Amino acid sequence: LKIDLEHRKELYLALKEIINNAAKYAACHHFYFEIAKRKGEIMIRIRDDGKGMDPDMISEGNGLKNIESRLSQIGAKLVRESAPGKGVSYEITMHIL
């Protein structure tokens, strides 16, 4: 895959934050990471089986804001889903060269 330096850096830092959040807050037993390449884009799915978050009660802390900001800067689309007791899942889609 060809991803320019700025995109790699922001993607790396966003993924690092997601992993850090799971390690610090999720109390999960398993962490799943999937990468797939489709025509002109890369898709990354990340999920854990931890305690999850109530979407109505999420205080967009610095970590979540940083993830969204970094991915937005590089034109990546982020879908985050969570529910209490159901873990957290992220799907990141980004156009590549």
C-alpha atoms as a PDB file:
ATOM      1  CA  LEU A   1       0.000   0.000   0.000  1.00  0.00           C
ATOM      2  CA  LYS A   2       1.179   3.469  -0.751  1.00  0.00           C
ATOM      3  CA  ILE A   3       0.232   5.914   1.973  1.00  0.00           C
ATOM      4  CA  ASP A   4       2.034   9.229   2.194  1.00  0.00           C
ATOM      5  CA  LEU A   5       3.924  10.212   5.326  1.00  0.00           C
ATOM      6  CA  GLU A   6       1.301  12.597   6.756  1.00  0.00           C
ATOM      7  CA  HIS A   7      -1.517  10.070   6.297  1.00  0.00           C
ATOM      8  CA  ARG A   8       0.580   7.263   7.819  1.00  0.00           C
ATOM      9  CA  LYS A   9       1.471   9.399  10.820  1.00  0.00           C
ATOM     10  CA  GLU A  10      -2.105  10.503  11.568  1.00  0.00           C
ATOM     11  CA  LEU A  11      -3.466   6.992  10.998  1.00  0.00           C
ATOM     12  CA  TYR A  12      -0.788   5.500  13.250  1.00  0.00           C
ATOM     13  CA  LEU A  13      -1.492   8.004  16.043  1.00  0.00           C
ATOM     14  CA  ALA A  14      -5.265   7.452  15.812  1.00  0.00           C
ATOM     15  CA  LEU A  15      -4.804   3.654  15.963  1.00  0.00           C
ATOM     16  CA  LYS A  16      -2.401   4.050  18.875  1.00  0.00           C
ATOM     17  CA  GLU A  17      -5.048   6.070  20.754  1.00  0.00           C
ATOM     18  CA  ILE A  18      -7.735   3.447  20.047  1.00  0.00           C
ATOM     19  CA  ILE A  19      -5.465   0.678  21.363  1.00  0.00           C
ATOM     20  CA  ASN A  20      -4.505   2.776  24.388  1.00  0.00           C
ATOM     21  CA  ASN A  21      -8.176   3.434  25.197  1.00  0.00           C
ATOM     22  CA  ALA A  22      -8.948  -0.292  25.030  1.00  0.00           C
ATOM     23  CA  ALA A  23      -5.999  -1.112  27.295  1.00  0.00           C
ATOM     24  CA  LYS A  24      -6.872   1.584  29.866  1.00  0.00           C
ATOM     25  CA  TYR A  25     -10.664   1.619  29.948  1.00  0.00           C
ATOM     26  CA  ALA A  26     -12.313  -1.337  28.210  1.00  0.00           C
ATOM     27  CA  ALA A  27     -11.501  -4.118  30.700  1.00  0.00           C
ATOM     28  CA  CYS A  28     -11.653  -6.417  27.685  1.00  0.00           C
ATOM     29  CA  HIS A  29     -10.447  -9.983  27.298  1.00  0.00           C
ATOM     30  CA  HIS A  30     -10.056  -9.876  23.513  1.00  0.00           C
ATOM     31  CA  PHE A  31      -9.077  -7.208  21.019  1.00  0.00           C
ATOM     32  CA  TYR A  32      -9.666  -7.755  17.301  1.00  0.00           C
ATOM     33  CA  PHE A  33      -7.890  -5.938  14.480  1.00  0.00           C
ATOM     34  CA  GLU A  34      -8.676  -6.431  10.790  1.00  0.00           C
ATOM     35  CA  ILE A  35      -7.252  -4.662   7.744  1.00  0.00           C
ATOM     36  CA  ALA A  36      -8.644  -5.095   4.249  1.00  0.00           C
ATOM     37  CA  LYS A  37      -7.727  -3.468   0.966  1.00  0.00           C
ATOM     38  CA  ARG A  38     -10.485  -2.701  -1.492  1.00  0.00           C
ATOM     39  CA  LYS A  39     -10.349  -0.837  -4.774  1.00  0.00           C
ATOM     40  CA  GLY A  40      -8.704   2.449  -3.938  1.00  0.00           C
ATOM     41  CA  GLU A  41      -9.249   2.266  -0.197  1.00  0.00           C
ATOM     42  CA  ILE A  42      -8.160   0.613   2.990  1.00  0.00           C
ATOM     43  CA  MET A  43     -10.626  -0.477   5.664  1.00  0.00           C
ATOM     44  CA  ILE A  44      -9.589  -1.086   9.259  1.00  0.00           C
ATOM     45  CA  ARG A  45     -11.937  -2.678  11.781  1.00  0.00           C
ATOM     46  CA  ILE A  46     -11.064  -2.695  15.444  1.00  0.00           C
ATOM     47  CA  ARG A  47     -13.230  -4.054  18.233  1.00  0.00           C
ATOM     48  CA  ASP A  48     -13.003  -5.268  21.776  1.00  0.00           C
ATOM     49  CA  ASP A  49     -15.227  -7.337  24.035  1.00  0.00           C
ATOM     50  CA  GLY A  50     -14.961  -4.937  26.961  1.00  0.00           C
ATOM     51  CA  LYS A  51     -17.443  -3.022  29.053  1.00  0.00           C
ATOM     52  CA  GLY A  52     -18.402  -0.650  26.236  1.00  0.00           C
ATOM     53  CA  MET A  53     -19.806   2.859  26.520  1.00  0.00           C
ATOM     54  CA  ASP A  54     -23.299   4.286  26.581  1.00  0.00           C
ATOM     55  CA  PRO A  55     -23.407   6.450  23.416  1.00  0.00           C
ATOM     56  CA  ASP A  56     -25.669   8.967  25.175  1.00  0.00           C
ATOM     57  CA  MET A  57     -23.248   9.320  28.074  1.00  0.00           C
ATOM     58  CA  ILE A  58     -19.952   9.540  26.188  1.00  0.00           C
ATOM     59  CA  SER A  59     -18.026  12.610  27.219  1.00  0.00           C
ATOM     60  CA  GLU A  60     -15.981  13.307  24.152  1.00  0.00           C
ATOM     61  CA  GLY A  61     -12.712  13.261  26.052  1.00  0.00           C
ATOM     62  CA  ASN A  62      -9.420  14.284  24.514  1.00  0.00           C
ATOM     63  CA  GLY A  63      -8.676  10.764  23.292  1.00  0.00           C
ATOM     64  CA  LEU A  64     -11.896  10.399  21.301  1.00  0.00           C
ATOM     65  CA  LYS A  65     -11.609  13.957  19.985  1.00  0.00           C
ATOM     66  CA  ASN A  66      -8.004  13.313  18.916  1.00  0.00           C
ATOM     67  CA  ILE A  67      -8.993  10.129  17.065  1.00  0.00           C
ATOM     68  CA  GLU A  68     -11.790  11.902  15.192  1.00  0.00           C
ATOM     69  CA  SER A  69      -9.644  14.954  14.455  1.00  0.00           C
ATOM     70  CA  ARG A  70      -6.671  12.977  13.153  1.00  0.00           C
ATOM     71  CA  LEU A  71      -8.799  10.827  10.878  1.00  0.00           C
ATOM     72  CA  SER A  72     -10.765  13.822   9.626  1.00  0.00           C
ATOM     73  CA  GLN A  73      -7.499  15.618   8.744  1.00  0.00           C
ATOM     74  CA  ILE A  74      -6.577  12.830   6.340  1.00  0.00           C
ATOM     75  CA  GLY A  75     -10.056  12.405   4.887  1.00  0.00           C
ATOM     76  CA  ALA A  76     -10.727   9.082   6.580  1.00  0.00           C
ATOM     77  CA  LYS A  77     -14.247   8.079   7.559  1.00  0.00           C
ATOM     78  CA  LEU A  78     -14.799   6.810  11.114  1.00  0.00           C
ATOM     79  CA  VAL A  79     -17.762   4.844  12.418  1.00  0.00           C
ATOM     80  CA  ARG A  80     -17.723   4.102  16.149  1.00  0.00           C
ATOM     81  CA  GLU A  81     -20.291   1.864  17.806  1.00  0.00           C
ATOM     82  CA  SER A  82     -20.665   0.893  21.434  1.00  0.00           C
ATOM     83  CA  ALA A  83     -23.187  -0.126  24.041  1.00  0.00           C
ATOM     84  CA  PRO A  84     -22.802  -0.956  27.728  1.00  0.00           C
ATOM     85  CA  GLY A  85     -21.487  -4.505  28.084  1.00  0.00           C
ATOM     86  CA  LYS A  86     -21.025  -4.885  24.312  1.00  0.00           C
ATOM     87  CA  GLY A  87     -17.531  -3.483  23.815  1.00  0.00           C
ATOM     88  CA  VAL A  88     -16.500  -0.831  21.316  1.00  0.00           C
ATOM     89  CA  SER A  89     -15.986  -1.148  17.578  1.00  0.00           C
ATOM     90  CA  TYR A  90     -14.353   1.234  15.142  1.00  0.00           C
ATOM     91  CA  GLU A  91     -14.410   1.102  11.367  1.00  0.00           C
ATOM     92  CA  ILE A  92     -12.007   3.376   9.544  1.00  0.00           C
ATOM     93  CA  THR A  93     -12.159   3.774   5.767  1.00  0.00           C
ATOM     94  CA  MET A  94      -9.503   5.746   3.935  1.00  0.00           C
ATOM     95  CA  HIS A  95      -8.816   6.322   0.250  1.00  0.00           C
ATOM     96  CA  ILE A  96      -5.322   5.308  -0.869  1.00  0.00           C
ATOM     97  CA  LEU A  97      -3.276   5.813  -3.988  1.00  0.00           C
END
